[in-house]
Amino acid sequence: METQEIIQSFHNQFDYQPVIKNINNFKNSKDIFAVGMGGSHLAADLINDIFKEIDIKVHSDYGLPNKINKDSLLIVSSFSGNTEETIDALNSALKKKIPLIIVSSGGKLIEIAIKNNLPYIQLPDNTIPPRMALGYSIKAFLKILNKNLDFKVSKTQLQKRGFDIAKKIKGTIPLIYSSSRNRAISYIWKINFNENSKNPAFTNYFPELNHNEMVGLGNNNFSFILIEDDNDHLRVKKRIKIFKKNYQTISIKGNAIYLIILSLWASYYLALENKVDPQETKIIDNLKEELSR
């Protein structure tokens, strides 16, 4: 599917109704961990930011987090189902008999789930890049956690706004800044610029960046995208206001889904400006091939 078509239909992913297979073997817990790499842990990050009563401990590495135990729940997330680190974590969890559920579109993870009667959710479309299938992953995680979200978003001017942002930041290194409450959204912007636009991009958050990173900005070739939020702490709002006095910035505001779709459009149009294919990630594919030898 063409990238533009994927982004235009992204909101339809939230109509997806996940089903937990082998649900009789599903054991829920308040002590929740998620293992996943890249786009496969973004749903957990986002849900942590939105639901303050939920604390999903995200593990992006081989093996298992130290504090997990047999009273925990491990969400094993890999969109492709073939991510090396995630399969390693799953195998460790099976050896230690950690309660778990798998979220994947297919691959080895679904094969292991079926073979071992493990609870799993099979995502519906494995033809698109994981970062562009975030809606499916969010719905799957919400199903596991028995939570709901309002996914209504105004699409008015979203595409044009993304186009305008890409034009403004072309030839620069975007720094995406937000309050700590929106760190997941900032990170989603970063990885979409990295993978879709093939552009360096980095993220940090207020007030932490005021104590270190701000000193090193100087006259470097950066552009600044600020994610503002009416619910931010008053002192954080003041810090952002002062920052905007000293640097030329692009301010964006909206609910999580709006900002995710806007990041897809901005990174798509920056890819066109950079004359690169927004779906291709050859350098990652080459690394996986080297590792498999």
C-alpha atoms as a PDB file:
ATOM      1  CA  MET A   1       0.000   0.000   0.000  1.00  0.00           C
ATOM      2  CA  GLU A   2       1.270   3.487  -0.820  1.00  0.00           C
ATOM      3  CA  THR A   3       2.376   5.537   2.195  1.00  0.00           C
ATOM      4  CA  GLN A   4      -0.108   8.312   1.490  1.00  0.00           C
ATOM      5  CA  GLU A   5      -2.950   5.785   1.428  1.00  0.00           C
ATOM      6  CA  ILE A   6      -1.807   4.243   4.743  1.00  0.00           C
ATOM      7  CA  ILE A   7      -1.804   7.638   6.450  1.00  0.00           C
ATOM      8  CA  GLN A   8      -5.151   8.679   4.974  1.00  0.00           C
ATOM      9  CA  SER A   9      -6.749   5.494   6.308  1.00  0.00           C
ATOM     10  CA  PHE A  10      -4.843   5.429   9.627  1.00  0.00           C
ATOM     11  CA  HIS A  11      -7.887   6.496  11.670  1.00  0.00           C
ATOM     12  CA  ASN A  12      -9.718   3.375  10.418  1.00  0.00           C
ATOM     13  CA  GLN A  13      -7.353   1.248  12.508  1.00  0.00           C
ATOM     14  CA  PHE A  14      -9.302   2.350  15.576  1.00  0.00           C
ATOM     15  CA  ASP A  15     -12.389   0.548  14.284  1.00  0.00           C
ATOM     16  CA  TYR A  16     -10.513  -2.735  14.770  1.00  0.00           C
ATOM     17  CA  GLN A  17     -11.975  -4.994  17.472  1.00  0.00           C
ATOM     18  CA  PRO A  18      -9.231  -7.246  18.883  1.00  0.00           C
ATOM     19  CA  VAL A  19     -10.012 -10.795  20.030  1.00  0.00           C
ATOM     20  CA  ILE A  20      -7.969 -12.622  22.670  1.00  0.00           C
ATOM     21  CA  LYS A  21      -7.392 -16.175  21.485  1.00  0.00           C
ATOM     22  CA  ASN A  22      -6.910 -18.941  24.091  1.00  0.00           C
ATOM     23  CA  ILE A  23      -8.503 -16.524  26.565  1.00  0.00           C
ATOM     24  CA  ASN A  24      -9.000 -19.305  29.144  1.00  0.00           C
ATOM     25  CA  ASN A  25      -5.224 -19.278  29.597  1.00  0.00           C
ATOM     26  CA  PHE A  26      -5.086 -15.504  30.042  1.00  0.00           C
ATOM     27  CA  LYS A  27      -4.198 -14.341  33.557  1.00  0.00           C
ATOM     28  CA  ASN A  28      -4.435 -10.592  34.151  1.00  0.00           C
ATOM     29  CA  SER A  29      -2.408  -8.684  36.719  1.00  0.00           C
ATOM     30  CA  LYS A  30      -1.837  -5.168  38.041  1.00  0.00           C
ATOM     31  CA  ASP A  31       1.911  -5.751  37.720  1.00  0.00           C
ATOM     32  CA  ILE A  32       2.287  -5.348  33.966  1.00  0.00           C
ATOM     33  CA  PHE A  33       5.384  -5.523  31.812  1.00  0.00           C
ATOM     34  CA  ALA A  34       5.693  -5.161  28.036  1.00  0.00           C
ATOM     35  CA  VAL A  35       8.574  -6.329  25.914  1.00  0.00           C
ATOM     36  CA  GLY A  36       8.962  -4.856  22.450  1.00  0.00           C
ATOM     37  CA  MET A  37      11.380  -3.052  20.176  1.00  0.00           C
ATOM     38  CA  GLY A  38      10.901   0.071  18.047  1.00  0.00           C
ATOM     39  CA  GLY A  39       7.311   0.648  16.994  1.00  0.00           C
ATOM     40  CA  SER A  40       6.154  -2.421  18.928  1.00  0.00           C
ATOM     41  CA  HIS A  41       6.402  -0.778  22.364  1.00  0.00           C
ATOM     42  CA  LEU A  42       4.867   2.581  21.380  1.00  0.00           C
ATOM     43  CA  ALA A  43       1.342   1.530  22.399  1.00  0.00           C
ATOM     44  CA  ALA A  44       2.574   0.786  25.924  1.00  0.00           C
ATOM     45  CA  ASP A  45       4.405   4.121  26.113  1.00  0.00           C
ATOM     46  CA  LEU A  46       1.336   6.030  24.964  1.00  0.00           C
ATOM     47  CA  ILE A  47      -1.064   4.241  27.313  1.00  0.00           C
ATOM     48  CA  ASN A  48       1.287   4.974  30.225  1.00  0.00           C
ATOM     49  CA  ASP A  49       1.078   8.687  29.406  1.00  0.00           C
ATOM     50  CA  ILE A  50      -2.710   8.743  28.958  1.00  0.00           C
ATOM     51  CA  PHE A  51      -3.767   6.545  31.886  1.00  0.00           C
ATOM     52  CA  LYS A  52      -1.892   7.709  34.978  1.00  0.00           C
ATOM     53  CA  GLU A  53      -3.230   4.790  37.028  1.00  0.00           C
ATOM     54  CA  ILE A  54      -1.497   2.319  34.691  1.00  0.00           C
ATOM     55  CA  ASP A  55       2.221   1.593  34.932  1.00  0.00           C
ATOM     56  CA  ILE A  56       3.407  -0.701  32.157  1.00  0.00           C
ATOM     57  CA  LYS A  57       7.111  -1.342  32.625  1.00  0.00           C
ATOM     58  CA  VAL A  58       8.584  -1.379  29.109  1.00  0.00           C
ATOM     59  CA  HIS A  59      11.545  -3.661  28.418  1.00  0.00           C
ATOM     60  CA  SER A  60      13.330  -3.139  25.091  1.00  0.00           C
ATOM     61  CA  ASP A  61      16.140  -5.656  25.278  1.00  0.00           C
ATOM     62  CA  TYR A  62      16.962  -9.351  25.353  1.00  0.00           C
ATOM     63  CA  GLY A  63      15.863 -11.439  28.315  1.00  0.00           C
ATOM     64  CA  LEU A  64      13.430 -10.297  30.984  1.00  0.00           C
ATOM     65  CA  PRO A  65      13.258  -7.299  33.322  1.00  0.00           C
ATOM     66  CA  ASN A  66      14.672  -8.022  36.790  1.00  0.00           C
ATOM     67  CA  LYS A  67      11.506  -7.405  38.803  1.00  0.00           C
ATOM     68  CA  ILE A  68       9.095  -9.567  36.810  1.00  0.00           C
ATOM     69  CA  ASN A  69       7.689 -12.623  38.607  1.00  0.00           C
ATOM     70  CA  LYS A  70       4.946 -15.251  38.405  1.00  0.00           C
ATOM     71  CA  ASP A  71       2.349 -12.763  39.663  1.00  0.00           C
ATOM     72  CA  SER A  72       3.107 -10.365  36.812  1.00  0.00           C
ATOM     73  CA  LEU A  73       1.707 -10.182  33.281  1.00  0.00           C
ATOM     74  CA  LEU A  74       4.098  -9.906  30.350  1.00  0.00           C
ATOM     75  CA  ILE A  75       2.759  -8.456  27.087  1.00  0.00           C
ATOM     76  CA  VAL A  76       5.023  -9.782  24.327  1.00  0.00           C
ATOM     77  CA  SER A  77       4.738  -7.343  21.435  1.00  0.00           C
ATOM     78  CA  SER A  78       6.285  -7.632  17.991  1.00  0.00           C
ATOM     79  CA  PHE A  79       4.373  -6.484  14.946  1.00  0.00           C
ATOM     80  CA  SER A  80       6.259  -8.794  12.586  1.00  0.00           C
ATOM     81  CA  GLY A  81       6.414 -11.612  15.120  1.00  0.00           C
ATOM     82  CA  ASN A  82      10.051 -12.232  14.219  1.00  0.00           C
ATOM     83  CA  THR A  83      11.936  -9.676  16.326  1.00  0.00           C
ATOM     84  CA  GLU A  84      15.035 -11.355  17.735  1.00  0.00           C
ATOM     85  CA  GLU A  85      15.076  -9.633  21.136  1.00  0.00           C
ATOM     86  CA  THR A  86      11.348 -10.211  21.684  1.00  0.00           C
ATOM     87  CA  ILE A  87      11.528 -13.919  20.830  1.00  0.00           C
ATOM     88  CA  ASP A  88      14.432 -14.239  23.272  1.00  0.00           C
ATOM     89  CA  ALA A  89      12.311 -12.573  25.987  1.00  0.00           C
ATOM     90  CA  LEU A  90       9.385 -14.893  25.219  1.00  0.00           C
ATOM     91  CA  ASN A  91      11.574 -17.991  25.499  1.00  0.00           C
ATOM     92  CA  SER A  92      12.897 -16.751  28.851  1.00  0.00           C
ATOM     93  CA  ALA A  93       9.339 -16.131  30.065  1.00  0.00           C
ATOM     94  CA  LEU A  94       8.246 -19.629  29.048  1.00  0.00           C
ATOM     95  CA  LYS A  95      11.172 -21.175  30.945  1.00  0.00           C
ATOM     96  CA  LYS A  96      10.304 -19.179  34.073  1.00  0.00           C
ATOM     97  CA  LYS A  97       6.552 -19.764  33.604  1.00  0.00           C
ATOM     98  CA  ILE A  98       5.721 -16.053  33.598  1.00  0.00           C
ATOM     99  CA  PRO A  99       2.051 -15.364  32.668  1.00  0.00           C
ATOM    100  CA  LEU A 100       1.980 -13.676  29.283  1.00  0.00           C
ATOM    101  CA  ILE A 101       0.002 -12.647  26.231  1.00  0.00           C
ATOM    102  CA  ILE A 102       1.354 -12.163  22.714  1.00  0.00           C
ATOM    103  CA  VAL A 103       0.470  -9.258  20.399  1.00  0.00           C
ATOM    104  CA  SER A 104       1.626  -9.733  16.815  1.00  0.00           C
ATOM    105  CA  SER A 105       0.499  -9.836  13.202  1.00  0.00           C
ATOM    106  CA  GLY A 106       2.084 -13.251  12.599  1.00  0.00           C
ATOM    107  CA  GLY A 107       5.551 -14.743  12.317  1.00  0.00           C
ATOM    108  CA  LYS A 108       7.261 -16.940  14.897  1.00  0.00           C
ATOM    109  CA  LEU A 109       5.426 -15.429  17.858  1.00  0.00           C
ATOM    110  CA  ILE A 110       2.004 -16.498  16.595  1.00  0.00           C
ATOM    111  CA  GLU A 111       3.412 -19.930  15.700  1.00  0.00           C
ATOM    112  CA  ILE A 112       4.703 -20.317  19.279  1.00  0.00           C
ATOM    113  CA  ALA A 113       1.394 -19.076  20.714  1.00  0.00           C
ATOM    114  CA  ILE A 114      -0.647 -21.593  18.724  1.00  0.00           C
ATOM    115  CA  LYS A 115       1.744 -24.468  19.462  1.00  0.00           C
ATOM    116  CA  ASN A 116       1.720 -23.794  23.227  1.00  0.00           C
ATOM    117  CA  ASN A 117      -1.925 -22.670  23.629  1.00  0.00           C
ATOM    118  CA  LEU A 118      -0.761 -19.261  24.805  1.00  0.00           C
ATOM    119  CA  PRO A 119      -3.165 -16.304  24.878  1.00  0.00           C
ATOM    120  CA  TYR A 120      -2.585 -13.998  21.922  1.00  0.00           C
ATOM    121  CA  ILE A 121      -4.041 -11.218  19.793  1.00  0.00           C
ATOM    122  CA  GLN A 122      -3.277 -11.442  16.095  1.00  0.00           C
ATOM    123  CA  LEU A 123      -3.168  -7.986  14.500  1.00  0.00           C
ATOM    124  CA  PRO A 124      -5.000  -7.754  11.170  1.00  0.00           C
ATOM    125  CA  ASP A 125      -2.472  -6.343   8.681  1.00  0.00           C
ATOM    126  CA  ASN A 126       1.177  -7.356   8.346  1.00  0.00           C
ATOM    127  CA  THR A 127       1.761  -5.490   5.074  1.00  0.00           C
ATOM    128  CA  ILE A 128       2.444  -2.060   6.570  1.00  0.00           C
ATOM    129  CA  PRO A 129       5.413  -0.840   8.632  1.00  0.00           C
ATOM    130  CA  PRO A 130       4.982  -1.314  12.422  1.00  0.00           C
ATOM    131  CA  ARG A 131       5.186   2.434  13.119  1.00  0.00           C
ATOM    132  CA  MET A 132       2.251   2.946  10.735  1.00  0.00           C
ATOM    133  CA  ALA A 133       0.193   0.210  12.412  1.00  0.00           C
ATOM    134  CA  LEU A 134       0.215   1.881  15.811  1.00  0.00           C
ATOM    135  CA  GLY A 135      -3.588   2.150  15.885  1.00  0.00           C
ATOM    136  CA  TYR A 136      -3.937  -1.643  15.781  1.00  0.00           C
ATOM    137  CA  SER A 137      -1.399  -2.046  18.597  1.00  0.00           C
ATOM    138  CA  ILE A 138      -3.111   0.570  20.758  1.00  0.00           C
ATOM    139  CA  LYS A 139      -6.464  -1.202  20.370  1.00  0.00           C
ATOM    140  CA  ALA A 140      -4.856  -4.552  21.280  1.00  0.00           C
ATOM    141  CA  PHE A 141      -3.224  -3.153  24.434  1.00  0.00           C
ATOM    142  CA  LEU A 142      -6.481  -1.454  25.465  1.00  0.00           C
ATOM    143  CA  LYS A 143      -8.283  -4.792  25.064  1.00  0.00           C
ATOM    144  CA  ILE A 144      -5.779  -6.504  27.344  1.00  0.00           C
ATOM    145  CA  LEU A 145      -6.051  -3.712  29.920  1.00  0.00           C
ATOM    146  CA  ASN A 146      -9.850  -3.447  29.615  1.00  0.00           C
ATOM    147  CA  LYS A 147      -9.637   0.296  28.859  1.00  0.00           C
ATOM    148  CA  ASN A 148     -11.333   2.565  26.318  1.00  0.00           C
ATOM    149  CA  LEU A 149     -10.314   5.760  24.540  1.00  0.00           C
ATOM    150  CA  ASP A 150     -12.169   8.329  22.458  1.00  0.00           C
ATOM    151  CA  PHE A 151     -10.561   8.121  19.033  1.00  0.00           C
ATOM    152  CA  LYS A 152     -12.477  10.955  17.393  1.00  0.00           C
ATOM    153  CA  VAL A 153     -10.156  13.342  15.613  1.00  0.00           C
ATOM    154  CA  SER A 154     -10.737  16.206  13.221  1.00  0.00           C
ATOM    155  CA  LYS A 155      -8.814  15.506  10.021  1.00  0.00           C
ATOM    156  CA  THR A 156      -9.294  19.079   8.809  1.00  0.00           C
ATOM    157  CA  GLN A 157      -6.018  20.578   7.603  1.00  0.00           C
ATOM    158  CA  LEU A 158      -3.972  17.680   9.042  1.00  0.00           C
ATOM    159  CA  GLN A 159      -2.311  16.863   5.733  1.00  0.00           C
ATOM    160  CA  LYS A 160      -1.591  20.511   4.903  1.00  0.00           C
ATOM    161  CA  ARG A 161      -0.241  21.141   8.402  1.00  0.00           C
ATOM    162  CA  GLY A 162       2.142  18.206   7.985  1.00  0.00           C
ATOM    163  CA  PHE A 163       3.235  19.551   4.593  1.00  0.00           C
ATOM    164  CA  ASP A 164       3.917  23.008   6.080  1.00  0.00           C
ATOM    165  CA  ILE A 165       5.958  21.558   8.950  1.00  0.00           C
ATOM    166  CA  ALA A 166       8.079  19.505   6.548  1.00  0.00           C
ATOM    167  CA  LYS A 167       8.797  22.605   4.431  1.00  0.00           C
ATOM    168  CA  LYS A 168       9.892  24.569   7.500  1.00  0.00           C
ATOM    169  CA  ILE A 169      12.242  21.932   8.911  1.00  0.00           C
ATOM    170  CA  LYS A 170      13.785  20.698   5.641  1.00  0.00           C
ATOM    171  CA  GLY A 171      17.576  20.594   5.915  1.00  0.00           C
ATOM    172  CA  THR A 172      17.579  20.728   9.714  1.00  0.00           C
ATOM    173  CA  ILE A 173      17.706  18.300  12.637  1.00  0.00           C
ATOM    174  CA  PRO A 174      14.309  18.413  14.377  1.00  0.00           C
ATOM    175  CA  LEU A 175      14.289  18.497  18.169  1.00  0.00           C
ATOM    176  CA  ILE A 176      10.858  17.556  19.496  1.00  0.00           C
ATOM    177  CA  TYR A 177      10.167  18.886  22.968  1.00  0.00           C
ATOM    178  CA  SER A 178       7.180  18.395  25.261  1.00  0.00           C
ATOM    179  CA  SER A 179       6.325  18.091  28.933  1.00  0.00           C
ATOM    180  CA  SER A 180       7.027  14.730  30.572  1.00  0.00           C
ATOM    181  CA  ARG A 181       3.320  13.871  30.254  1.00  0.00           C
ATOM    182  CA  ASN A 182       3.703  13.746  26.448  1.00  0.00           C
ATOM    183  CA  ARG A 183       7.046  11.964  26.159  1.00  0.00           C
ATOM    184  CA  ALA A 184       5.524   9.084  24.190  1.00  0.00           C
ATOM    185  CA  ILE A 185       4.092  11.445  21.559  1.00  0.00           C
ATOM    186  CA  SER A 186       7.440  13.239  21.256  1.00  0.00           C
ATOM    187  CA  TYR A 187       9.177   9.898  20.769  1.00  0.00           C
ATOM    188  CA  ILE A 188       6.685   8.878  18.070  1.00  0.00           C
ATOM    189  CA  TRP A 189       7.545  12.080  16.176  1.00  0.00           C
ATOM    190  CA  LYS A 190      11.242  11.295  16.529  1.00  0.00           C
ATOM    191  CA  ILE A 191      11.042   7.756  15.161  1.00  0.00           C
ATOM    192  CA  ASN A 192       8.788   8.783  12.286  1.00  0.00           C
ATOM    193  CA  PHE A 193      11.341  11.395  11.218  1.00  0.00           C
ATOM    194  CA  ASN A 194      14.083   8.775  11.602  1.00  0.00           C
ATOM    195  CA  GLU A 195      12.412   5.920   9.734  1.00  0.00           C
ATOM    196  CA  ASN A 196      10.075   7.666   7.293  1.00  0.00           C
ATOM    197  CA  SER A 197      12.166  10.740   6.466  1.00  0.00           C
ATOM    198  CA  LYS A 198      15.634   9.153   6.977  1.00  0.00           C
ATOM    199  CA  ASN A 199      16.396  12.292   8.992  1.00  0.00           C
ATOM    200  CA  PRO A 200      18.183  12.638  12.336  1.00  0.00           C
ATOM    201  CA  ALA A 201      15.751  13.751  15.035  1.00  0.00           C
ATOM    202  CA  PHE A 202      15.862  13.809  18.812  1.00  0.00           C
ATOM    203  CA  THR A 203      13.496  14.362  21.705  1.00  0.00           C
ATOM    204  CA  ASN A 204      13.586  15.601  25.277  1.00  0.00           C
ATOM    205  CA  TYR A 205      11.140  17.082  27.764  1.00  0.00           C
ATOM    206  CA  PHE A 206      10.562  20.052  30.034  1.00  0.00           C
ATOM    207  CA  PRO A 207      11.730  20.834  32.659  1.00  0.00           C
ATOM    208  CA  GLU A 208      14.636  18.356  32.386  1.00  0.00           C
ATOM    209  CA  LEU A 209      16.038  19.815  29.142  1.00  0.00           C
ATOM    210  CA  ASN A 210      16.345  23.244  30.817  1.00  0.00           C
ATOM    211  CA  HIS A 211      18.961  21.799  33.171  1.00  0.00           C
ATOM    212  CA  ASN A 212      21.339  20.429  30.542  1.00  0.00           C
ATOM    213  CA  GLU A 213      20.440  20.098  26.851  1.00  0.00           C
ATOM    214  CA  MET A 214      19.448  23.741  26.402  1.00  0.00           C
ATOM    215  CA  VAL A 215      23.035  24.819  27.082  1.00  0.00           C
ATOM    216  CA  GLY A 216      24.332  22.805  24.124  1.00  0.00           C
ATOM    217  CA  LEU A 217      21.915  24.084  21.470  1.00  0.00           C
ATOM    218  CA  GLY A 218      24.042  27.054  20.385  1.00  0.00           C
ATOM    219  CA  ASN A 219      23.839  27.943  16.700  1.00  0.00           C
ATOM    220  CA  ASN A 220      23.550  24.380  15.433  1.00  0.00           C
ATOM    221  CA  ASN A 221      21.286  23.421  12.569  1.00  0.00           C
ATOM    222  CA  PHE A 222      18.252  22.493  14.646  1.00  0.00           C
ATOM    223  CA  SER A 223      14.557  23.115  14.247  1.00  0.00           C
ATOM    224  CA  PHE A 224      12.291  23.028  17.299  1.00  0.00           C
ATOM    225  CA  ILE A 225       8.869  21.383  17.435  1.00  0.00           C
ATOM    226  CA  LEU A 226       7.076  22.030  20.723  1.00  0.00           C
ATOM    227  CA  ILE A 227       4.163  19.846  21.769  1.00  0.00           C
ATOM    228  CA  GLU A 228       2.049  22.024  24.044  1.00  0.00           C
ATOM    229  CA  ASP A 229      -0.714  20.819  26.334  1.00  0.00           C
ATOM    230  CA  ASP A 230      -3.356  22.798  28.235  1.00  0.00           C
ATOM    231  CA  ASN A 231      -2.964  20.294  31.098  1.00  0.00           C
ATOM    232  CA  ASP A 232       0.766  20.885  31.538  1.00  0.00           C
ATOM    233  CA  HIS A 233       2.003  22.181  34.885  1.00  0.00           C
ATOM    234  CA  LEU A 234       1.852  26.000  35.058  1.00  0.00           C
ATOM    235  CA  ARG A 235       5.612  26.262  35.540  1.00  0.00           C
ATOM    236  CA  VAL A 236       6.218  24.010  32.543  1.00  0.00           C
ATOM    237  CA  LYS A 237       3.985  26.293  30.470  1.00  0.00           C
ATOM    238  CA  LYS A 238       6.086  29.247  31.592  1.00  0.00           C
ATOM    239  CA  ARG A 239       9.302  27.429  30.671  1.00  0.00           C
ATOM    240  CA  ILE A 240       7.923  26.732  27.184  1.00  0.00           C
ATOM    241  CA  LYS A 241       6.891  30.378  26.818  1.00  0.00           C
ATOM    242  CA  ILE A 242      10.410  31.557  27.731  1.00  0.00           C
ATOM    243  CA  PHE A 243      11.955  28.983  25.373  1.00  0.00           C
ATOM    244  CA  LYS A 244       9.830  30.316  22.501  1.00  0.00           C
ATOM    245  CA  LYS A 245      11.232  33.809  23.113  1.00  0.00           C
ATOM    246  CA  ASN A 246      14.769  32.582  22.513  1.00  0.00           C
ATOM    247  CA  TYR A 247      14.268  30.164  19.605  1.00  0.00           C
ATOM    248  CA  GLN A 248      12.141  30.007  16.498  1.00  0.00           C
ATOM    249  CA  THR A 249       9.724  27.177  17.160  1.00  0.00           C
ATOM    250  CA  ILE A 250       6.808  25.286  15.654  1.00  0.00           C
ATOM    251  CA  SER A 251       4.056  24.766  18.229  1.00  0.00           C
ATOM    252  CA  ILE A 252       1.563  21.922  17.905  1.00  0.00           C
ATOM    253  CA  LYS A 253      -1.355  20.945  20.085  1.00  0.00           C
ATOM    254  CA  GLY A 254      -4.095  18.322  19.994  1.00  0.00           C
ATOM    255  CA  ASN A 255      -5.127  14.916  21.310  1.00  0.00           C
ATOM    256  CA  ALA A 256      -2.826  11.915  20.997  1.00  0.00           C
ATOM    257  CA  ILE A 257      -4.378  10.536  17.814  1.00  0.00           C
ATOM    258  CA  TYR A 258      -4.310  13.915  16.076  1.00  0.00           C
ATOM    259  CA  LEU A 259      -0.627  14.336  16.929  1.00  0.00           C
ATOM    260  CA  ILE A 260       0.268  10.811  15.769  1.00  0.00           C
ATOM    261  CA  ILE A 261      -1.385  11.339  12.388  1.00  0.00           C
ATOM    262  CA  LEU A 262       0.219  14.783  12.071  1.00  0.00           C
ATOM    263  CA  SER A 263       3.627  13.189  12.718  1.00  0.00           C
ATOM    264  CA  LEU A 264       2.987  10.707   9.918  1.00  0.00           C
ATOM    265  CA  TRP A 265       2.107  13.481   7.461  1.00  0.00           C
ATOM    266  CA  ALA A 266       5.045  15.683   8.491  1.00  0.00           C
ATOM    267  CA  SER A 267       7.526  12.795   8.200  1.00  0.00           C
ATOM    268  CA  TYR A 268       5.984  11.672   4.906  1.00  0.00           C
ATOM    269  CA  TYR A 269       6.388  15.094   3.313  1.00  0.00           C
ATOM    270  CA  LEU A 270       9.892  15.461   4.755  1.00  0.00           C
ATOM    271  CA  ALA A 271      10.711  12.124   3.088  1.00  0.00           C
ATOM    272  CA  LEU A 272       9.572  13.600  -0.225  1.00  0.00           C
ATOM    273  CA  GLU A 273      11.705  16.701   0.428  1.00  0.00           C
ATOM    274  CA  ASN A 274      14.667  14.410   1.202  1.00  0.00           C
ATOM    275  CA  LYS A 275      13.909  12.332  -1.907  1.00  0.00           C
ATOM    276  CA  VAL A 276      13.709   9.048   0.002  1.00  0.00           C
ATOM    277  CA  ASP A 277      11.206   6.193   0.226  1.00  0.00           C
ATOM    278  CA  PRO A 278       9.237   6.622   3.490  1.00  0.00           C
ATOM    279  CA  GLN A 279       8.617   2.878   3.881  1.00  0.00           C
ATOM    280  CA  GLU A 280      12.107   1.565   3.148  1.00  0.00           C
ATOM    281  CA  THR A 281      14.368   0.807   6.146  1.00  0.00           C
ATOM    282  CA  LYS A 282      17.210  -0.963   4.350  1.00  0.00           C
ATOM    283  CA  ILE A 283      19.819  -0.246   7.007  1.00  0.00           C
ATOM    284  CA  ILE A 284      17.694  -2.028   9.646  1.00  0.00           C
ATOM    285  CA  ASP A 285      17.041  -4.939   7.277  1.00  0.00           C
ATOM    286  CA  ASN A 286      20.779  -5.255   6.582  1.00  0.00           C
ATOM    287  CA  LEU A 287      21.537  -5.338  10.309  1.00  0.00           C
ATOM    288  CA  LYS A 288      18.977  -8.119  10.862  1.00  0.00           C
ATOM    289  CA  GLU A 289      20.495 -10.088   7.981  1.00  0.00           C
ATOM    290  CA  GLU A 290      24.011  -9.748   9.443  1.00  0.00           C
ATOM    291  CA  LEU A 291      22.755 -10.838  12.877  1.00  0.00           C
ATOM    292  CA  SER A 292      21.064 -13.922  11.449  1.00  0.00           C
ATOM    293  CA  ARG A 293      24.302 -15.276   9.941  1.00  0.00           C
END
